[in-house]
Protein backbone atom coordinates (compact mmCIF):
# COMPACT_ATOMS: atom_id res chain seq x y z
CA MET A 1 -8.98 27.62 -42.58
CA SER A 2 -7.19 24.30 -42.74
CA PRO A 3 -7.61 21.97 -39.80
CA SER A 4 -5.03 22.15 -37.07
CA PRO A 5 -2.06 19.83 -37.54
CA GLN A 6 -3.02 17.91 -34.43
CA SER A 7 -6.34 16.83 -35.93
CA ALA A 8 -5.12 16.48 -39.52
CA ARG A 9 -1.81 14.67 -39.10
CA PRO A 10 -0.18 12.23 -36.74
CA LYS A 11 2.70 13.55 -34.69
CA PRO A 12 5.87 12.46 -36.49
CA GLY A 13 8.41 10.21 -34.87
CA VAL A 14 10.80 7.54 -35.93
CA ASP A 15 10.14 6.72 -39.57
CA PRO A 16 12.68 4.30 -41.00
CA SER A 17 10.58 3.94 -44.16
CA GLU A 18 11.17 7.59 -45.10
CA ALA A 19 14.17 6.76 -47.29
CA GLN A 20 12.72 4.76 -50.19
CA PRO A 21 15.39 4.77 -52.90
CA GLU A 22 14.78 3.64 -56.44
CA PRO A 23 16.26 0.23 -57.24
CA ALA A 24 19.14 2.03 -58.97
CA THR A 25 20.58 3.08 -55.63
CA ALA A 26 21.19 -0.55 -54.67
CA GLN A 27 23.20 -1.14 -57.83
CA PRO A 28 26.98 -0.80 -58.07
CA VAL A 29 28.13 2.61 -59.27
CA LYS A 30 29.54 1.19 -62.51
CA VAL A 31 26.16 -0.35 -63.34
CA LYS A 32 24.37 2.93 -62.65
CA LEU A 33 26.94 4.81 -64.72
CA ALA A 34 26.44 2.45 -67.67
CA ARG A 35 22.67 2.96 -67.50
CA LEU A 36 23.06 6.72 -67.37
CA LEU A 37 25.46 6.88 -70.30
CA LYS A 38 23.31 4.53 -72.39
CA LEU A 39 20.36 6.87 -71.85
CA ALA A 40 22.41 9.95 -72.77
CA ARG A 41 24.17 8.68 -75.87
CA GLY A 42 22.52 9.75 -79.10
CA ARG A 43 20.77 12.74 -77.53
CA ARG A 44 21.44 16.12 -79.14
CA ARG A 45 21.48 18.56 -76.23
CA GLY A 46 20.97 18.23 -72.50
CA LEU A 47 19.62 20.51 -69.79
CA ILE A 48 20.53 20.00 -66.15
CA LEU A 49 18.34 21.93 -63.74
CA THR A 50 19.03 22.57 -60.04
CA HIS A 51 16.45 23.51 -57.45
CA ASP A 52 15.49 27.18 -57.31
CA ASN A 53 17.80 29.58 -55.46
CA PRO A 54 20.51 26.93 -55.73
CA ASP A 55 23.06 26.14 -53.05
CA PRO A 56 26.65 25.00 -53.69
CA ASP A 57 25.80 21.29 -53.50
CA SER A 58 23.18 21.54 -56.25
CA MET A 59 25.36 23.69 -58.54
CA ALA A 60 28.47 21.57 -58.04
CA ALA A 61 26.60 18.35 -58.75
CA ALA A 62 24.95 19.82 -61.84
CA VAL A 63 28.23 21.10 -63.29
CA ALA A 64 29.91 17.76 -62.56
CA LEU A 65 27.08 15.88 -64.28
CA ALA A 66 27.43 18.12 -67.34
CA HIS A 67 31.17 17.41 -67.39
CA LEU A 68 30.57 13.66 -67.10
CA LEU A 69 27.99 13.53 -69.90
CA ASP A 70 30.19 15.60 -72.19
CA ARG A 71 33.28 13.47 -71.60
CA ARG A 72 31.69 10.02 -71.66
CA ALA A 73 28.49 10.37 -73.72
CA GLY A 74 29.43 13.20 -76.09
CA LEU A 75 26.41 15.17 -74.91
CA SER A 76 26.74 18.91 -74.47
CA CYS A 77 24.67 20.10 -71.52
CA LYS A 78 23.56 23.44 -70.16
CA VAL A 79 23.16 23.97 -66.40
CA GLY A 80 20.21 26.13 -65.39
CA TYR A 81 18.57 27.39 -62.23
CA GLY A 82 15.46 29.29 -61.21
CA GLY A 83 15.31 32.07 -58.66
CA ILE A 84 18.50 33.85 -57.70
CA ILE A 85 21.96 33.17 -56.32
CA GLY A 86 21.89 35.55 -53.39
CA ARG A 87 24.20 34.64 -50.49
CA ALA A 88 27.67 36.16 -50.67
CA GLU A 89 29.33 32.74 -50.39
CA ASN A 90 27.20 31.38 -53.23
CA ILE A 91 27.91 34.36 -55.46
CA ALA A 92 31.62 33.91 -54.78
CA PHE A 93 31.25 30.16 -55.41
CA VAL A 94 30.02 30.77 -58.97
CA LYS A 95 32.31 33.71 -59.70
CA VAL A 96 35.58 32.36 -58.29
CA LEU A 97 35.18 28.89 -59.83
CA LYS A 98 33.77 30.30 -63.10
CA LEU A 99 30.90 27.82 -63.04
CA PRO A 100 28.88 27.72 -66.29
CA VAL A 101 25.39 28.13 -64.83
CA SER A 102 22.56 30.12 -66.43
CA PRO A 103 19.29 31.57 -65.09
CA VAL A 104 16.20 29.80 -66.36
CA SER A 105 15.14 32.98 -68.17
CA GLN A 106 17.92 32.26 -70.67
CA ILE A 107 16.79 28.69 -71.35
CA VAL A 108 14.48 27.44 -74.10
CA PHE A 109 13.27 24.07 -72.87
CA ASP A 110 12.23 22.83 -76.32
CA GLU A 111 15.84 23.02 -77.48
CA HIS A 112 16.82 20.13 -75.21
CA ASP A 113 16.05 16.45 -75.64
CA LEU A 114 17.48 15.26 -72.32
CA ILE A 115 16.30 16.84 -69.08
CA ALA A 116 17.95 16.16 -65.73
CA LEU A 117 17.01 17.34 -62.24
CA VAL A 118 19.81 17.51 -59.69
CA ASP A 119 19.38 17.89 -55.91
CA THR A 120 15.61 17.94 -56.38
CA GLN A 121 12.76 15.81 -57.70
CA LYS A 122 9.91 16.73 -59.98
CA ALA A 123 7.28 16.27 -57.28
CA ALA A 124 9.17 18.63 -54.95
CA ARG A 125 8.06 21.62 -57.06
CA ASN A 126 11.02 23.67 -55.79
CA HIS A 127 12.42 24.02 -59.30
CA SER A 128 11.50 25.87 -62.49
CA LEU A 129 10.84 22.93 -64.78
CA PRO A 130 7.46 23.42 -66.53
CA PRO A 131 4.98 20.71 -65.44
CA GLN A 132 4.48 19.42 -68.98
CA VAL A 133 8.20 18.78 -69.59
CA PRO A 134 9.19 15.15 -68.93
CA VAL A 135 12.29 14.34 -66.85
CA ASP A 136 14.85 11.79 -68.06
CA VAL A 137 17.33 11.84 -65.17
CA VAL A 138 16.93 12.51 -61.44
CA ILE A 139 19.96 12.55 -59.15
CA ASP A 140 19.22 13.67 -55.60
CA HIS A 141 20.47 12.83 -52.11
CA HIS A 142 17.09 13.54 -50.50
CA PRO A 143 14.76 10.60 -49.81
CA MET A 144 12.50 9.47 -52.62
CA ARG A 145 9.14 11.18 -52.31
CA ASP A 146 6.02 9.05 -52.19
CA ASP A 147 4.46 11.16 -54.96
CA SER A 148 7.48 11.05 -57.28
CA LEU A 149 6.86 9.79 -60.80
CA PRO A 150 9.47 7.35 -62.07
CA ALA A 151 12.12 8.73 -64.42
CA PRO A 152 14.03 6.59 -66.94
CA PHE A 153 17.05 7.04 -64.67
CA SER A 154 16.87 7.83 -60.95
CA ASP A 155 19.55 7.77 -58.27
CA VAL A 156 17.92 9.11 -55.14
CA GLY A 157 18.46 9.24 -51.39
CA ASP A 158 21.76 7.57 -50.62
CA SER A 159 24.18 10.18 -49.23
CA GLY A 160 24.56 13.39 -47.26
CA ALA A 161 25.14 15.48 -50.39
CA THR A 162 24.29 15.17 -54.07
CA SER A 163 27.89 16.12 -54.85
CA THR A 164 28.94 12.82 -53.28
CA LEU A 165 26.90 10.89 -55.84
CA LEU A 166 28.63 12.77 -58.66
CA VAL A 167 32.06 12.08 -57.21
CA GLU A 168 31.21 8.38 -57.35
CA TYR A 169 30.25 8.68 -61.01
CA LEU A 170 33.42 10.60 -61.91
CA ARG A 171 35.56 8.00 -60.18
CA ALA A 172 33.72 5.12 -61.86
CA ALA A 173 34.17 6.85 -65.23
CA ARG A 174 37.88 7.43 -64.50
CA ILE A 175 37.52 11.16 -65.00
CA GLU A 176 40.01 13.40 -63.24
CA PRO A 177 38.13 16.62 -62.43
CA SER A 178 39.70 20.03 -62.90
CA SER A 179 40.70 21.85 -59.72
CA GLU A 180 37.64 24.09 -60.16
CA VAL A 181 35.20 21.16 -60.41
CA ALA A 182 36.94 19.34 -57.55
CA THR A 183 36.74 22.47 -55.38
CA ALA A 184 33.07 22.91 -56.23
CA LEU A 185 32.22 19.32 -55.27
CA TYR A 186 34.34 19.51 -52.11
CA TYR A 187 32.59 22.68 -50.97
CA GLY A 188 29.22 21.19 -51.90
CA ILE A 189 29.81 18.24 -49.57
CA LYS A 190 31.35 20.45 -46.89
CA ALA A 191 28.41 22.87 -46.88
CA ASP A 192 25.60 20.32 -47.05
CA THR A 193 26.99 18.06 -44.33
CA ARG A 194 28.28 20.93 -42.18
CA ASP A 195 31.89 19.75 -42.32
CA LEU A 196 30.84 16.08 -42.26
CA GLY A 197 28.96 16.61 -39.00
CA ARG A 198 25.40 16.17 -40.24
CA GLN A 199 23.57 13.45 -42.20
CA THR A 200 26.94 12.02 -43.25
CA THR A 201 27.64 8.59 -44.74
CA GLY A 202 30.89 6.75 -45.21
CA THR A 203 30.68 7.55 -48.91
CA ASP A 204 30.55 11.27 -48.13
CA VAL A 205 33.74 10.96 -46.08
CA ALA A 206 35.48 8.92 -48.78
CA SER A 207 34.51 11.42 -51.49
CA TYR A 208 35.59 14.36 -49.34
CA LEU A 209 39.00 12.81 -48.75
CA TRP A 210 39.40 11.87 -52.43
CA LEU A 211 38.68 15.45 -53.47
CA PHE A 212 40.90 17.18 -50.91
CA PRO A 213 44.26 16.81 -52.70
CA ARG A 214 42.59 17.93 -55.94
CA ILE A 215 41.09 21.22 -54.73
CA ASP A 216 42.49 24.73 -55.03
CA ARG A 217 42.71 25.88 -51.42
CA GLY A 218 43.22 29.50 -52.44
CA LEU A 219 39.93 29.50 -54.36
CA LEU A 220 38.23 27.72 -51.47
CA ALA A 221 39.35 30.46 -49.07
CA GLN A 222 37.89 33.13 -51.38
CA ILE A 223 34.53 31.31 -51.32
CA GLU A 224 34.42 30.73 -47.58
CA HIS A 225 35.44 34.27 -46.62
CA PRO A 226 33.80 36.65 -49.09
CA GLU A 227 33.15 40.32 -48.54
CA LEU A 228 29.61 40.83 -47.23
CA PRO A 229 27.18 43.59 -48.22
CA ALA A 230 25.71 45.93 -45.62
CA ARG A 231 22.26 44.37 -46.10
CA TYR A 232 23.65 41.06 -44.83
CA PHE A 233 24.33 42.61 -41.43
CA GLN A 234 21.04 44.53 -41.53
CA LEU A 235 19.16 41.26 -42.08
CA TYR A 236 20.92 39.61 -39.15
CA HIS A 237 20.15 42.63 -36.99
CA ALA A 238 16.45 42.23 -37.83
CA ALA A 239 16.60 38.44 -37.33
CA ILE A 240 18.01 38.75 -33.81
CA GLU A 241 15.78 41.66 -32.87
CA ARG A 242 12.63 39.78 -33.91
CA ALA A 243 13.63 36.33 -32.64
CA LYS A 244 11.37 34.82 -29.98
CA VAL A 245 12.29 31.98 -27.67
CA TYR A 246 9.59 29.45 -26.78
CA GLY A 247 11.37 27.16 -24.36
CA PRO A 248 13.26 24.68 -26.57
CA ALA A 249 12.33 26.54 -29.77
CA ILE A 250 13.47 29.78 -31.38
CA ILE A 251 11.51 31.42 -34.19
CA THR A 252 12.16 34.59 -36.15
CA ASP A 253 10.29 36.55 -38.81
CA LEU A 254 12.77 38.09 -41.23
CA GLY A 255 10.19 40.19 -43.03
CA GLU A 256 11.16 40.90 -46.63
CA VAL A 257 14.52 39.31 -47.49
CA TYR A 258 16.92 40.23 -50.28
CA SER A 259 17.74 36.58 -50.94
CA PRO A 260 15.61 33.50 -50.13
CA ASP A 261 18.62 31.40 -49.13
CA MET A 262 19.34 33.79 -46.25
CA VAL A 263 16.32 32.23 -44.51
CA ALA A 264 18.15 28.90 -44.29
CA GLU A 265 21.34 30.58 -43.11
CA VAL A 266 19.54 32.31 -40.25
CA ALA A 267 17.71 29.12 -39.19
CA GLU A 268 21.06 27.34 -39.11
CA ARG A 269 22.69 30.06 -37.03
CA LEU A 270 19.87 30.20 -34.48
CA MET A 271 20.42 26.53 -33.66
CA TYR A 272 23.60 27.58 -31.88
CA LEU A 273 21.53 29.13 -29.09
CA GLU A 274 22.09 27.12 -25.93
CA GLY A 275 19.17 24.82 -25.04
CA THR A 276 17.53 25.05 -28.47
CA ARG A 277 16.02 21.85 -29.91
CA TRP A 278 14.54 23.38 -33.04
CA SER A 279 14.63 26.65 -34.94
CA LEU A 280 12.39 28.16 -37.57
CA ALA A 281 13.12 31.20 -39.72
CA TYR A 282 10.77 32.63 -42.30
CA GLY A 283 10.73 35.58 -44.66
CA SER A 284 9.04 36.75 -47.83
CA TYR A 285 10.53 37.29 -51.26
CA ARG A 286 8.60 38.19 -54.42
CA SER A 287 5.20 37.17 -53.02
CA GLN A 288 6.49 33.85 -51.69
CA LEU A 289 6.88 32.88 -48.04
CA TYR A 290 10.13 30.99 -47.46
CA LEU A 291 10.58 28.86 -44.33
CA SER A 292 13.55 26.93 -43.04
CA LEU A 293 13.51 24.39 -40.20
CA ARG A 294 16.38 22.89 -38.23
CA LEU A 295 16.06 20.09 -35.68
CA LYS A 296 18.29 18.36 -33.16
CA ASP A 297 15.85 15.50 -32.50
CA ARG A 298 16.77 12.74 -34.95
CA ARG A 299 13.55 10.86 -34.13
CA THR A 300 11.65 13.45 -36.18
CA ASN A 301 12.15 13.78 -39.93
CA ALA A 302 12.27 17.49 -40.79
CA GLY A 303 11.60 16.98 -44.50
CA ARG A 304 8.49 14.89 -44.03
CA LEU A 305 7.14 17.13 -41.28
CA THR A 306 7.61 20.28 -43.38
CA ARG A 307 5.85 18.71 -46.35
CA GLU A 308 2.91 17.71 -44.15
CA ILE A 309 2.61 21.22 -42.74
CA CYS A 310 3.15 23.31 -45.86
CA GLU A 311 2.06 21.46 -48.97
CA ASP A 312 -1.69 21.62 -48.31
CA LEU A 313 -1.25 25.39 -48.16
CA GLY A 314 -0.27 25.31 -51.84
CA GLY A 315 3.45 25.31 -51.14
CA SER A 316 6.41 23.14 -52.02
CA ALA A 317 8.70 21.59 -49.44
CA GLY A 318 11.62 19.25 -49.09
CA GLY A 319 14.50 18.17 -46.91
CA HIS A 320 15.58 15.22 -44.81
CA GLY A 321 16.38 14.24 -41.24
CA THR A 322 17.38 17.43 -39.44
CA MET A 323 16.85 20.21 -41.99
CA ALA A 324 14.10 21.24 -44.38
CA GLY A 325 12.71 24.19 -46.25
CA ALA A 326 9.49 25.28 -47.90
CA ARG A 327 7.94 28.08 -49.88
CA ILE A 328 4.28 29.05 -49.92
CA PRO A 329 2.58 31.54 -52.24
CA LEU A 330 1.52 34.76 -50.50
CA TRP A 331 -1.72 36.26 -51.74
CA GLY A 332 -4.51 38.61 -50.74
CA THR A 333 -4.45 41.60 -48.45
CA ARG A 334 -1.77 42.35 -45.89
CA SER A 335 -3.97 40.95 -43.12
CA GLN A 336 -4.53 37.73 -45.09
CA ARG A 337 -0.80 37.34 -45.60
CA THR A 338 -0.16 37.92 -41.92
CA ALA A 339 -2.81 35.34 -41.03
CA LEU A 340 -1.15 32.77 -43.33
CA LYS A 341 2.22 33.33 -41.67
CA ARG A 342 0.72 32.95 -38.20
CA GLN A 343 -1.18 29.82 -39.20
CA THR A 344 1.95 28.22 -40.63
CA VAL A 345 4.09 29.02 -37.60
CA ARG A 346 1.35 27.74 -35.30
CA ARG A 347 1.37 24.43 -37.13
CA PHE A 348 5.09 24.01 -36.53
CA ARG A 349 4.70 24.90 -32.86
CA ASP A 350 1.78 22.50 -32.39
CA VAL A 351 3.53 19.57 -34.04
CA LEU A 352 7.03 20.07 -32.65
CA GLY A 353 6.07 21.38 -29.24
CA SER A 354 7.06 24.68 -27.68
CA ASP A 355 6.23 26.70 -24.60
CA PRO A 356 2.77 28.29 -24.83
CA GLY A 357 2.28 32.02 -24.93
CA ARG A 358 3.86 34.84 -26.88
CA GLY A 359 7.48 33.83 -26.37
CA VAL A 360 10.38 35.77 -24.91
CA SER A 361 12.46 38.15 -26.99
CA LEU A 362 15.91 36.72 -27.64
CA LEU A 363 17.39 40.05 -26.59
CA SER A 364 15.76 39.83 -23.17
CA ALA A 365 16.11 36.07 -22.60
CA ASP A 366 17.95 34.95 -19.46
CA GLU A 367 21.65 34.43 -19.90
């Protein structure tokens, strides 16, 4: 058994050093753009990889980067992702906007001589890039990880959404995006910042406003209001039925999920419970345990805390101020898997603080 988080790690608090951007982030956008294009010119074929089970922000930024490199560096790029696109909104996002994204199973890495990671970093391990493959470009709005290896070009940790960074590049390159690309970037910013209400910078707002007259509002409506499968409602039924309230915390075990990104959606929704300061949802998918954390206390960095709790269990984790996620391999017998889940949840409760005991069922909690 690993030591308890109280003995192994300090309790997190204010950590202004968490955001440690590469020097590139302090440079003007035109300077960064010139460096990026210089690196890309002369390459034969590029691959842009999102994090696994990609969200709209990662896919929009990746497609926009491919468009930029094609238009200004003459480099044809493929956009790839690991895992699945599972949420109804995300499926509609790709289908309605006709985004050219491919599962990693269709990608031969040796065919590409420029590799880019978008909305992730190599050390995060939440992507499907083989460890031996070097990375040329990293563009990510999450803080620079302490264990990140330098890439020839990095632009990391300077906005509420990675899509915002790509909007800056498109504007600096004087590229007018198609309505589909503009809508993708707009929805990427909208989703990741929760309508500009979370982890938002002035650049996010400026990019959002610049995109608005360029989007197709009809396509946006189709993405935001898709038809939902029956299993969506079945999962929410299970989430609410299993949710336990521990004073300021709410935690739910989703069991086996049909899509890993539903774990994040449930954690987000549970934060709407009155009096909640943090929520944790977790569920298993293909022998992996997925966890998603949401916080209201800005003195605690969710990304750093989740890495501290989960990575010594063999998992990968990432995030920033008020939201984070992780995945941990599940192995062994059913009892061993159950013990791992309990151990992980106990770590979160010990570090973040919650009422002791077994918790109160959400369905029987006082109104």
